[in-house]
Amino acid sequence: MTNNDQPGAVPDIETLTEQFQKLNKRKIESERDLVNAEKNLNELKQQAQEEYGTDQLEELKTKLQQIKDENARKRAEYHQSLEKIEAELTKIETAHNASDAS
């Protein structure tokens, strides 16, 4: 019977060593993940700095909203242009059909 069978008993050295090894492995993996995440963050900050002139989140949010607003404005202008072209084509077709009927 091992000490683990009793409530509140201290585990034996093998169990403690195994637990330590598992925790140490998790620590090493977590540290590696942290290094990778920091590297990725730094790369993204550098990319944002190069593309948008800043790596500050609030400034990037503002720039994103400006881009969205500009896109919406351009879409509205494009839609108006298409409607104008369509109206002109309808006018030409009507005039052409009227001249064919005469």
PDB file of N, CA and C in Angstrom:
ATOM      1  N   MET A   1       0.836  -1.178   0.000  1.00  0.00           N
ATOM      2  CA  MET A   1       0.000   0.000   0.000  1.00  0.00           C
ATOM      3  C   MET A   1       0.879   1.238   0.000  1.00  0.00           C
ATOM      4  N   THR A   2       0.571   2.211  -0.912  1.00  0.00           N
ATOM      5  CA  THR A   2       1.365   3.432  -0.987  1.00  0.00           C
ATOM      6  C   THR A   2       0.731   4.513  -0.139  1.00  0.00           C
ATOM      7  N   ASN A   3       1.457   5.564   0.050  1.00  0.00           N
ATOM      8  CA  ASN A   3       0.964   6.687   0.831  1.00  0.00           C
ATOM      9  C   ASN A   3      -0.191   7.396   0.135  1.00  0.00           C
ATOM     10  N   ASN A   4      -0.314   7.224  -1.199  1.00  0.00           N
ATOM     11  CA  ASN A   4      -1.356   7.885  -1.980  1.00  0.00           C
ATOM     12  C   ASN A   4      -2.744   7.356  -1.665  1.00  0.00           C
ATOM     13  N   ASP A   5      -2.817   6.186  -1.016  1.00  0.00           N
ATOM     14  CA  ASP A   5      -4.116   5.575  -0.743  1.00  0.00           C
ATOM     15  C   ASP A   5      -4.814   6.230   0.447  1.00  0.00           C
ATOM     16  N   GLN A   6      -4.104   7.000   1.223  1.00  0.00           N
ATOM     17  CA  GLN A   6      -4.684   7.629   2.403  1.00  0.00           C
ATOM     18  C   GLN A   6      -4.975   9.099   2.105  1.00  0.00           C
ATOM     19  N   PRO A   7      -6.162   9.566   2.482  1.00  0.00           N
ATOM     20  CA  PRO A   7      -6.487  10.979   2.251  1.00  0.00           C
ATOM     21  C   PRO A   7      -5.500  11.890   2.975  1.00  0.00           C
ATOM     22  N   GLY A   8      -5.013  12.914   2.277  1.00  0.00           N
ATOM     23  CA  GLY A   8      -4.088  13.866   2.884  1.00  0.00           C
ATOM     24  C   GLY A   8      -2.670  13.359   3.007  1.00  0.00           C
ATOM     25  N   ALA A   9      -2.390  12.153   2.502  1.00  0.00           N
ATOM     26  CA  ALA A   9      -1.045  11.585   2.616  1.00  0.00           C
ATOM     27  C   ALA A   9      -0.120  12.220   1.587  1.00  0.00           C
ATOM     28  N   VAL A  10       1.138  12.342   1.918  1.00  0.00           N
ATOM     29  CA  VAL A  10       2.152  12.888   1.021  1.00  0.00           C
ATOM     30  C   VAL A  10       2.542  11.800   0.028  1.00  0.00           C
ATOM     31  N   PRO A  11       2.509  12.117  -1.296  1.00  0.00           N
ATOM     32  CA  PRO A  11       2.877  11.105  -2.296  1.00  0.00           C
ATOM     33  C   PRO A  11       4.342  10.690  -2.165  1.00  0.00           C
ATOM     34  N   ASP A  12       4.650   9.526  -2.696  1.00  0.00           N
ATOM     35  CA  ASP A  12       6.030   9.049  -2.644  1.00  0.00           C
ATOM     36  C   ASP A  12       6.896   9.836  -3.631  1.00  0.00           C
ATOM     37  N   ILE A  13       8.198   9.664  -3.552  1.00  0.00           N
ATOM     38  CA  ILE A  13       9.154  10.452  -4.346  1.00  0.00           C
ATOM     39  C   ILE A  13       8.979  10.232  -5.848  1.00  0.00           C
ATOM     40  N   GLU A  14       8.639   9.016  -6.261  1.00  0.00           N
ATOM     41  CA  GLU A  14       8.451   8.742  -7.681  1.00  0.00           C
ATOM     42  C   GLU A  14       7.269   9.543  -8.239  1.00  0.00           C
ATOM     43  N   THR A  15       6.198   9.578  -7.466  1.00  0.00           N
ATOM     44  CA  THR A  15       5.009  10.321  -7.880  1.00  0.00           C
ATOM     45  C   THR A  15       5.319  11.808  -7.935  1.00  0.00           C
ATOM     46  N   LEU A  16       6.034  12.300  -6.933  1.00  0.00           N
ATOM     47  CA  LEU A  16       6.407  13.719  -6.906  1.00  0.00           C
ATOM     48  C   LEU A  16       7.338  14.065  -8.068  1.00  0.00           C
ATOM     49  N   THR A  17       8.284  13.177  -8.358  1.00  0.00           N
ATOM     50  CA  THR A  17       9.210  13.408  -9.469  1.00  0.00           C
ATOM     51  C   THR A  17       8.459  13.455 -10.787  1.00  0.00           C
ATOM     52  N   GLU A  18       7.528  12.534 -10.960  1.00  0.00           N
ATOM     53  CA  GLU A  18       6.716  12.503 -12.181  1.00  0.00           C
ATOM     54  C   GLU A  18       5.888  13.780 -12.305  1.00  0.00           C
ATOM     55  N   GLN A  19       5.308  14.207 -11.196  1.00  0.00           N
ATOM     56  CA  GLN A  19       4.508  15.433 -11.200  1.00  0.00           C
ATOM     57  C   GLN A  19       5.393  16.636 -11.546  1.00  0.00           C
ATOM     58  N   PHE A  20       6.589  16.670 -10.960  1.00  0.00           N
ATOM     59  CA  PHE A  20       7.518  17.756 -11.250  1.00  0.00           C
ATOM     60  C   PHE A  20       7.879  17.773 -12.737  1.00  0.00           C
ATOM     61  N   GLN A  21       8.160  16.609 -13.313  1.00  0.00           N
ATOM     62  CA  GLN A  21       8.534  16.533 -14.719  1.00  0.00           C
ATOM     63  C   GLN A  21       7.405  17.025 -15.626  1.00  0.00           C
ATOM     64  N   LYS A  22       6.177  16.667 -15.281  1.00  0.00           N
ATOM     65  CA  LYS A  22       5.028  17.123 -16.063  1.00  0.00           C
ATOM     66  C   LYS A  22       4.899  18.645 -15.980  1.00  0.00           C
ATOM     67  N   LEU A  23       5.020  19.166 -14.760  1.00  0.00           N
ATOM     68  CA  LEU A  23       4.907  20.612 -14.578  1.00  0.00           C
ATOM     69  C   LEU A  23       6.055  21.353 -15.259  1.00  0.00           C
ATOM     70  N   ASN A  24       7.239  20.780 -15.186  1.00  0.00           N
ATOM     71  CA  ASN A  24       8.396  21.401 -15.830  1.00  0.00           C
ATOM     72  C   ASN A  24       8.225  21.422 -17.343  1.00  0.00           C
ATOM     73  N   LYS A  25       7.675  20.336 -17.890  1.00  0.00           N
ATOM     74  CA  LYS A  25       7.419  20.277 -19.329  1.00  0.00           C
ATOM     75  C   LYS A  25       6.405  21.348 -19.728  1.00  0.00           C
ATOM     76  N   ARG A  26       5.340  21.487 -18.927  1.00  0.00           N
ATOM     77  CA  ARG A  26       4.330  22.519 -19.203  1.00  0.00           C
ATOM     78  C   ARG A  26       4.945  23.910 -19.126  1.00  0.00           C
ATOM     79  N   LYS A  27       5.840  24.117 -18.164  1.00  0.00           N
ATOM     80  CA  LYS A  27       6.513  25.417 -18.012  1.00  0.00           C
ATOM     81  C   LYS A  27       7.351  25.717 -19.252  1.00  0.00           C
ATOM     82  N   ILE A  28       8.104  24.747 -19.700  1.00  0.00           N
ATOM     83  CA  ILE A  28       8.950  24.935 -20.887  1.00  0.00           C
ATOM     84  C   ILE A  28       8.091  25.228 -22.110  1.00  0.00           C
ATOM     85  N   GLU A  29       6.997  24.492 -22.273  1.00  0.00           N
ATOM     86  CA  GLU A  29       6.092  24.723 -23.403  1.00  0.00           C
ATOM     87  C   GLU A  29       5.466  26.109 -23.323  1.00  0.00           C
ATOM     88  N   SER A  30       5.078  26.517 -22.120  1.00  0.00           N
ATOM     89  CA  SER A  30       4.476  27.837 -21.938  1.00  0.00           C
ATOM     90  C   SER A  30       5.476  28.943 -22.241  1.00  0.00           C
ATOM     91  N   GLU A  31       6.703  28.766 -21.805  1.00  0.00           N
ATOM     92  CA  GLU A  31       7.741  29.755 -22.093  1.00  0.00           C
ATOM     93  C   GLU A  31       8.001  29.845 -23.596  1.00  0.00           C
ATOM     94  N   ARG A  32       8.015  28.705 -24.268  1.00  0.00           N
ATOM     95  CA  ARG A  32       8.213  28.685 -25.713  1.00  0.00           C
ATOM     96  C   ARG A  32       7.053  29.382 -26.415  1.00  0.00           C
ATOM     97  N   ASP A  33       5.839  29.093 -25.953  1.00  0.00           N
ATOM     98  CA  ASP A  33       4.660  29.735 -26.540  1.00  0.00           C
ATOM     99  C   ASP A  33       4.698  31.242 -26.329  1.00  0.00           C
ATOM    100  N   LEU A  34       5.155  31.664 -25.153  1.00  0.00           N
ATOM    101  CA  LEU A  34       5.261  33.092 -24.862  1.00  0.00           C
ATOM    102  C   LEU A  34       6.274  33.755 -25.782  1.00  0.00           C
ATOM    103  N   VAL A  35       7.419  33.128 -25.977  1.00  0.00           N
ATOM    104  CA  VAL A  35       8.445  33.680 -26.868  1.00  0.00           C
ATOM    105  C   VAL A  35       7.889  33.790 -28.288  1.00  0.00           C
ATOM    106  N   ASN A  36       7.195  32.758 -28.750  1.00  0.00           N
ATOM    107  CA  ASN A  36       6.610  32.783 -30.097  1.00  0.00           C
ATOM    108  C   ASN A  36       5.544  33.868 -30.216  1.00  0.00           C
ATOM    109  N   ALA A  37       4.713  34.016 -29.188  1.00  0.00           N
ATOM    110  CA  ALA A  37       3.663  35.031 -29.207  1.00  0.00           C
ATOM    111  C   ALA A  37       4.271  36.436 -29.220  1.00  0.00           C
ATOM    112  N   GLU A  38       5.319  36.643 -28.426  1.00  0.00           N
ATOM    113  CA  GLU A  38       5.984  37.953 -28.404  1.00  0.00           C
ATOM    114  C   GLU A  38       6.643  38.246 -29.745  1.00  0.00           C
ATOM    115  N   LYS A  39       7.247  37.245 -30.351  1.00  0.00           N
ATOM    116  CA  LYS A  39       7.872  37.413 -31.666  1.00  0.00           C
ATOM    117  C   LYS A  39       6.804  37.771 -32.701  1.00  0.00           C
ATOM    118  N   ASN A  40       5.695  37.061 -32.673  1.00  0.00           N
ATOM    119  CA  ASN A  40       4.595  37.323 -33.598  1.00  0.00           C
ATOM    120  C   ASN A  40       4.042  38.735 -33.393  1.00  0.00           C
ATOM    121  N   LEU A  41       3.857  39.123 -32.133  1.00  0.00           N
ATOM    122  CA  LEU A  41       3.367  40.465 -31.815  1.00  0.00           C
ATOM    123  C   LEU A  41       4.318  41.531 -32.350  1.00  0.00           C
ATOM    124  N   ASN A  42       5.599  41.341 -32.134  1.00  0.00           N
ATOM    125  CA  ASN A  42       6.576  42.316 -32.622  1.00  0.00           C
ATOM    126  C   ASN A  42       6.572  42.411 -34.141  1.00  0.00           C
ATOM    127  N   GLU A  43       6.427  41.275 -34.810  1.00  0.00           N
ATOM    128  CA  GLU A  43       6.356  41.284 -36.276  1.00  0.00           C
ATOM    129  C   GLU A  43       5.106  42.030 -36.751  1.00  0.00           C
ATOM    130  N   LEU A  44       3.982  41.792 -36.084  1.00  0.00           N
ATOM    131  CA  LEU A  44       2.740  42.473 -36.453  1.00  0.00           C
ATOM    132  C   LEU A  44       2.817  43.970 -36.166  1.00  0.00           C
ATOM    133  N   LYS A  45       3.458  44.337 -35.062  1.00  0.00           N
ATOM    134  CA  LYS A  45       3.633  45.759 -34.758  1.00  0.00           C
ATOM    135  C   LYS A  45       4.505  46.433 -35.817  1.00  0.00           C
ATOM    136  N   GLN A  46       5.563  45.753 -36.219  1.00  0.00           N
ATOM    137  CA  GLN A  46       6.443  46.299 -37.250  1.00  0.00           C
ATOM    138  C   GLN A  46       5.687  46.452 -38.569  1.00  0.00           C
ATOM    139  N   GLN A  47       4.899  45.457 -38.919  1.00  0.00           N
ATOM    140  CA  GLN A  47       4.104  45.509 -40.144  1.00  0.00           C
ATOM    141  C   GLN A  47       3.102  46.662 -40.083  1.00  0.00           C
ATOM    142  N   ALA A  48       2.443  46.820 -38.947  1.00  0.00           N
ATOM    143  CA  ALA A  48       1.479  47.914 -38.786  1.00  0.00           C
ATOM    144  C   ALA A  48       2.185  49.257 -38.886  1.00  0.00           C
ATOM    145  N   GLN A  49       3.351  49.359 -38.294  1.00  0.00           N
ATOM    146  CA  GLN A  49       4.127  50.599 -38.345  1.00  0.00           C
ATOM    147  C   GLN A  49       4.491  50.941 -39.790  1.00  0.00           C
ATOM    148  N   GLU A  50       4.924  49.935 -40.539  1.00  0.00           N
ATOM    149  CA  GLU A  50       5.324  50.155 -41.929  1.00  0.00           C
ATOM    150  C   GLU A  50       4.125  50.503 -42.810  1.00  0.00           C
ATOM    151  N   GLU A  51       3.001  49.814 -42.616  1.00  0.00           N
ATOM    152  CA  GLU A  51       1.849  49.997 -43.488  1.00  0.00           C
ATOM    153  C   GLU A  51       0.976  51.188 -43.099  1.00  0.00           C
ATOM    154  N   TYR A  52       0.852  51.447 -41.801  1.00  0.00           N
ATOM    155  CA  TYR A  52      -0.097  52.463 -41.344  1.00  0.00           C
ATOM    156  C   TYR A  52       0.540  53.592 -40.551  1.00  0.00           C
ATOM    157  N   GLY A  53       1.849  53.526 -40.345  1.00  0.00           N
ATOM    158  CA  GLY A  53       2.540  54.600 -39.644  1.00  0.00           C
ATOM    159  C   GLY A  53       2.381  54.580 -38.136  1.00  0.00           C
ATOM    160  N   THR A  54       1.787  53.544 -37.609  1.00  0.00           N
ATOM    161  CA  THR A  54       1.633  53.416 -36.158  1.00  0.00           C
ATOM    162  C   THR A  54       1.409  51.953 -35.797  1.00  0.00           C
ATOM    163  N   ASP A  55       1.716  51.630 -34.541  1.00  0.00           N
ATOM    164  CA  ASP A  55       1.402  50.296 -34.039  1.00  0.00           C
ATOM    165  C   ASP A  55       0.526  50.397 -32.788  1.00  0.00           C
ATOM    166  N   GLN A  56      -0.013  51.599 -32.557  1.00  0.00           N
ATOM    167  CA  GLN A  56      -0.886  51.831 -31.411  1.00  0.00           C
ATOM    168  C   GLN A  56      -2.309  51.408 -31.763  1.00  0.00           C
ATOM    169  N   LEU A  57      -2.906  50.594 -30.916  1.00  0.00           N
ATOM    170  CA  LEU A  57      -4.207  49.989 -31.188  1.00  0.00           C
ATOM    171  C   LEU A  57      -5.294  51.031 -31.452  1.00  0.00           C
ATOM    172  N   GLU A  58      -5.383  52.043 -30.627  1.00  0.00           N
ATOM    173  CA  GLU A  58      -6.436  53.052 -30.805  1.00  0.00           C
ATOM    174  C   GLU A  58      -6.269  53.801 -32.123  1.00  0.00           C
ATOM    175  N   GLU A  59      -5.030  54.125 -32.476  1.00  0.00           N
ATOM    176  CA  GLU A  59      -4.775  54.801 -33.748  1.00  0.00           C
ATOM    177  C   GLU A  59      -5.126  53.893 -34.922  1.00  0.00           C
ATOM    178  N   LEU A  60      -4.817  52.605 -34.787  1.00  0.00           N
ATOM    179  CA  LEU A  60      -5.153  51.652 -35.843  1.00  0.00           C
ATOM    180  C   LEU A  60      -6.672  51.512 -35.984  1.00  0.00           C
ATOM    181  N   LYS A  61      -7.380  51.520 -34.858  1.00  0.00           N
ATOM    182  CA  LYS A  61      -8.844  51.456 -34.908  1.00  0.00           C
ATOM    183  C   LYS A  61      -9.405  52.677 -35.625  1.00  0.00           C
ATOM    184  N   THR A  62      -8.839  53.838 -35.326  1.00  0.00           N
ATOM    185  CA  THR A  62      -9.280  55.074 -35.983  1.00  0.00           C
ATOM    186  C   THR A  62      -9.018  54.999 -37.480  1.00  0.00           C
ATOM    187  N   LYS A  63      -7.829  54.543 -37.860  1.00  0.00           N
ATOM    188  CA  LYS A  63      -7.500  54.408 -39.285  1.00  0.00           C
ATOM    189  C   LYS A  63      -8.421  53.405 -39.968  1.00  0.00           C
ATOM    190  N   LEU A  64      -8.734  52.305 -39.297  1.00  0.00           N
ATOM    191  CA  LEU A  64      -9.640  51.312 -39.862  1.00  0.00           C
ATOM    192  C   LEU A  64     -11.015  51.924 -40.107  1.00  0.00           C
ATOM    193  N   GLN A  65     -11.499  52.704 -39.153  1.00  0.00           N
ATOM    194  CA  GLN A  65     -12.799  53.348 -39.331  1.00  0.00           C
ATOM    195  C   GLN A  65     -12.761  54.332 -40.493  1.00  0.00           C
ATOM    196  N   GLN A  66     -11.652  55.053 -40.641  1.00  0.00           N
ATOM    197  CA  GLN A  66     -11.504  55.983 -41.763  1.00  0.00           C
ATOM    198  C   GLN A  66     -11.533  55.231 -43.091  1.00  0.00           C
ATOM    199  N   ILE A  67     -10.869  54.092 -43.134  1.00  0.00           N
ATOM    200  CA  ILE A  67     -10.849  53.272 -44.351  1.00  0.00           C
ATOM    201  C   ILE A  67     -12.258  52.764 -44.652  1.00  0.00           C
ATOM    202  N   LYS A  68     -12.966  52.312 -43.631  1.00  0.00           N
ATOM    203  CA  LYS A  68     -14.338  51.836 -43.831  1.00  0.00           C
ATOM    204  C   LYS A  68     -15.240  52.962 -44.332  1.00  0.00           C
ATOM    205  N   ASP A  69     -15.098  54.147 -43.730  1.00  0.00           N
ATOM    206  CA  ASP A  69     -15.909  55.293 -44.148  1.00  0.00           C
ATOM    207  C   ASP A  69     -15.611  55.665 -45.599  1.00  0.00           C
ATOM    208  N   GLU A  70     -14.339  55.688 -45.963  1.00  0.00           N
ATOM    209  CA  GLU A  70     -13.948  56.010 -47.336  1.00  0.00           C
ATOM    210  C   GLU A  70     -14.496  54.971 -48.311  1.00  0.00           C
ATOM    211  N   ASN A  71     -14.438  53.716 -47.920  1.00  0.00           N
ATOM    212  CA  ASN A  71     -14.963  52.641 -48.754  1.00  0.00           C
ATOM    213  C   ASN A  71     -16.471  52.804 -48.961  1.00  0.00           C
ATOM    214  N   ALA A  72     -17.177  53.133 -47.901  1.00  0.00           N
ATOM    215  CA  ALA A  72     -18.625  53.338 -48.005  1.00  0.00           C
ATOM    216  C   ALA A  72     -18.932  54.515 -48.924  1.00  0.00           C
ATOM    217  N   ARG A  73     -18.162  55.589 -48.805  1.00  0.00           N
ATOM    218  CA  ARG A  73     -18.357  56.758 -49.665  1.00  0.00           C
ATOM    219  C   ARG A  73     -18.121  56.399 -51.131  1.00  0.00           C
ATOM    220  N   LYS A  74     -17.052  55.671 -51.397  1.00  0.00           N
ATOM    221  CA  LYS A  74     -16.737  55.274 -52.777  1.00  0.00           C
ATOM    222  C   LYS A  74     -17.802  54.338 -53.341  1.00  0.00           C
ATOM    223  N   ARG A  75     -18.315  53.415 -52.514  1.00  0.00           N
ATOM    224  CA  ARG A  75     -19.381  52.530 -52.972  1.00  0.00           C
ATOM    225  C   ARG A  75     -20.631  53.316 -53.334  1.00  0.00           C
ATOM    226  N   ALA A  76     -20.954  54.315 -52.518  1.00  0.00           N
ATOM    227  CA  ALA A  76     -22.132  55.140 -52.780  1.00  0.00           C
ATOM    228  C   ALA A  76     -21.958  55.906 -54.085  1.00  0.00           C
ATOM    229  N   GLU A  77     -20.766  56.450 -54.308  1.00  0.00           N
ATOM    230  CA  GLU A  77     -20.491  57.165 -55.560  1.00  0.00           C
ATOM    231  C   GLU A  77     -20.590  56.218 -56.755  1.00  0.00           C
ATOM    232  N   TYR A  78     -20.049  55.029 -56.611  1.00  0.00           N
ATOM    233  CA  TYR A  78     -20.090  54.039 -57.686  1.00  0.00           C
ATOM    234  C   TYR A  78     -21.539  53.659 -57.999  1.00  0.00           C
ATOM    235  N   HIS A  79     -22.331  53.477 -56.954  1.00  0.00           N
ATOM    236  CA  HIS A  79     -23.742  53.138 -57.123  1.00  0.00           C
ATOM    237  C   HIS A  79     -24.467  54.270 -57.865  1.00  0.00           C
ATOM    238  N   GLN A  80     -24.192  55.495 -57.479  1.00  0.00           N
ATOM    239  CA  GLN A  80     -24.815  56.636 -58.158  1.00  0.00           C
ATOM    240  C   GLN A  80     -24.403  56.688 -59.625  1.00  0.00           C
ATOM    241  N   SER A  81     -23.134  56.425 -59.900  1.00  0.00           N
ATOM    242  CA  SER A  81     -22.651  56.417 -61.282  1.00  0.00           C
ATOM    243  C   SER A  81     -23.365  55.350 -62.103  1.00  0.00           C
ATOM    244  N   LEU A  82     -23.520  54.170 -61.529  1.00  0.00           N
ATOM    245  CA  LEU A  82     -24.209  53.086 -62.229  1.00  0.00           C
ATOM    246  C   LEU A  82     -25.668  53.445 -62.493  1.00  0.00           C
ATOM    247  N   GLU A  83     -26.318  54.056 -61.521  1.00  0.00           N
ATOM    248  CA  GLU A  83     -27.707  54.461 -61.717  1.00  0.00           C
ATOM    249  C   GLU A  83     -27.821  55.520 -62.815  1.00  0.00           C
ATOM    250  N   LYS A  84     -26.877  56.436 -62.847  1.00  0.00           N
ATOM    251  CA  LYS A  84     -26.877  57.485 -63.875  1.00  0.00           C
ATOM    252  C   LYS A  84     -26.679  56.867 -65.262  1.00  0.00           C
ATOM    253  N   ILE A  85     -25.732  55.933 -65.358  1.00  0.00           N
ATOM    254  CA  ILE A  85     -25.480  55.248 -66.641  1.00  0.00           C
ATOM    255  C   ILE A  85     -26.719  54.478 -67.070  1.00  0.00           C
ATOM    256  N   GLU A  86     -27.330  53.771 -66.117  1.00  0.00           N
ATOM    257  CA  GLU A  86     -28.522  53.006 -66.439  1.00  0.00           C
ATOM    258  C   GLU A  86     -29.652  53.932 -66.912  1.00  0.00           C
ATOM    259  N   ALA A  87     -29.818  55.062 -66.272  1.00  0.00           N
ATOM    260  CA  ALA A  87     -30.854  56.014 -66.672  1.00  0.00           C
ATOM    261  C   ALA A  87     -30.579  56.552 -68.080  1.00  0.00           C
ATOM    262  N   GLU A  88     -29.314  56.848 -68.361  1.00  0.00           N
ATOM    263  CA  GLU A  88     -28.945  57.349 -69.693  1.00  0.00           C
ATOM    264  C   GLU A  88     -29.188  56.273 -70.757  1.00  0.00           C
ATOM    265  N   LEU A  89     -28.839  55.025 -70.443  1.00  0.00           N
ATOM    266  CA  LEU A  89     -29.066  53.929 -71.393  1.00  0.00           C
ATOM    267  C   LEU A  89     -30.565  53.744 -71.648  1.00  0.00           C
ATOM    268  N   THR A  90     -31.346  53.820 -70.606  1.00  0.00           N
ATOM    269  CA  THR A  90     -32.806  53.705 -70.765  1.00  0.00           C
ATOM    270  C   THR A  90     -33.324  54.833 -71.641  1.00  0.00           C
ATOM    271  N   LYS A  91     -32.814  56.023 -71.438  1.00  0.00           N
ATOM    272  CA  LYS A  91     -33.218  57.183 -72.238  1.00  0.00           C
ATOM    273  C   LYS A  91     -32.860  56.972 -73.704  1.00  0.00           C
ATOM    274  N   ILE A  92     -31.653  56.475 -73.959  1.00  0.00           N
ATOM    275  CA  ILE A  92     -31.200  56.218 -75.334  1.00  0.00           C
ATOM    276  C   ILE A  92     -32.041  55.116 -75.967  1.00  0.00           C
ATOM    277  N   GLU A  93     -32.294  54.042 -75.220  1.00  0.00           N
ATOM    278  CA  GLU A  93     -33.115  52.942 -75.746  1.00  0.00           C
ATOM    279  C   GLU A  93     -34.525  53.432 -76.080  1.00  0.00           C
ATOM    280  N   THR A  94     -35.086  54.257 -75.214  1.00  0.00           N
ATOM    281  CA  THR A  94     -36.426  54.794 -75.456  1.00  0.00           C
ATOM    282  C   THR A  94     -36.435  55.660 -76.710  1.00  0.00           C
ATOM    283  N   ALA A  95     -35.411  56.483 -76.854  1.00  0.00           N
ATOM    284  CA  ALA A  95     -35.320  57.343 -78.039  1.00  0.00           C
ATOM    285  C   ALA A  95     -35.127  56.492 -79.297  1.00  0.00           C
ATOM    286  N   HIS A  96     -34.308  55.468 -79.201  1.00  0.00           N
ATOM    287  CA  HIS A  96     -34.043  54.598 -80.345  1.00  0.00           C
ATOM    288  C   HIS A  96     -35.308  53.832 -80.738  1.00  0.00           C
ATOM    289  N   ASN A  97     -36.032  53.312 -79.731  1.00  0.00           N
ATOM    290  CA  ASN A  97     -37.273  52.582 -80.004  1.00  0.00           C
ATOM    291  C   ASN A  97     -38.314  53.508 -80.612  1.00  0.00           C
ATOM    292  N   ALA A  98     -38.348  54.769 -80.169  1.00  0.00           N
ATOM    293  CA  ALA A  98     -39.311  55.721 -80.706  1.00  0.00           C
ATOM    294  C   ALA A  98     -38.977  56.042 -82.173  1.00  0.00           C
ATOM    295  N   SER A  99     -37.679  56.131 -82.480  1.00  0.00           N
ATOM    296  CA  SER A  99     -37.301  56.433 -83.871  1.00  0.00           C
ATOM    297  C   SER A  99     -37.540  55.242 -84.784  1.00  0.00           C
ATOM    298  N   ASP A 100     -37.400  54.026 -84.245  1.00  0.00           N
ATOM    299  CA  ASP A 100     -37.685  52.829 -85.039  1.00  0.00           C
ATOM    300  C   ASP A 100     -39.177  52.695 -85.328  1.00  0.00           C
ATOM    301  N   ALA A 101     -40.007  53.145 -84.411  1.00  0.00           N
ATOM    302  CA  ALA A 101     -41.444  53.040 -84.560  1.00  0.00           C
ATOM    303  C   ALA A 101     -41.985  54.034 -85.581  1.00  0.00           C
ATOM    304  N   SER A 102     -41.250  55.115 -85.831  1.00  0.00           N
ATOM    305  CA  SER A 102     -41.759  56.118 -86.783  1.00  0.00           C
ATOM    306  C   SER A 102     -41.601  55.721 -88.207  1.00  0.00           C
TER     307      SER A 102
END
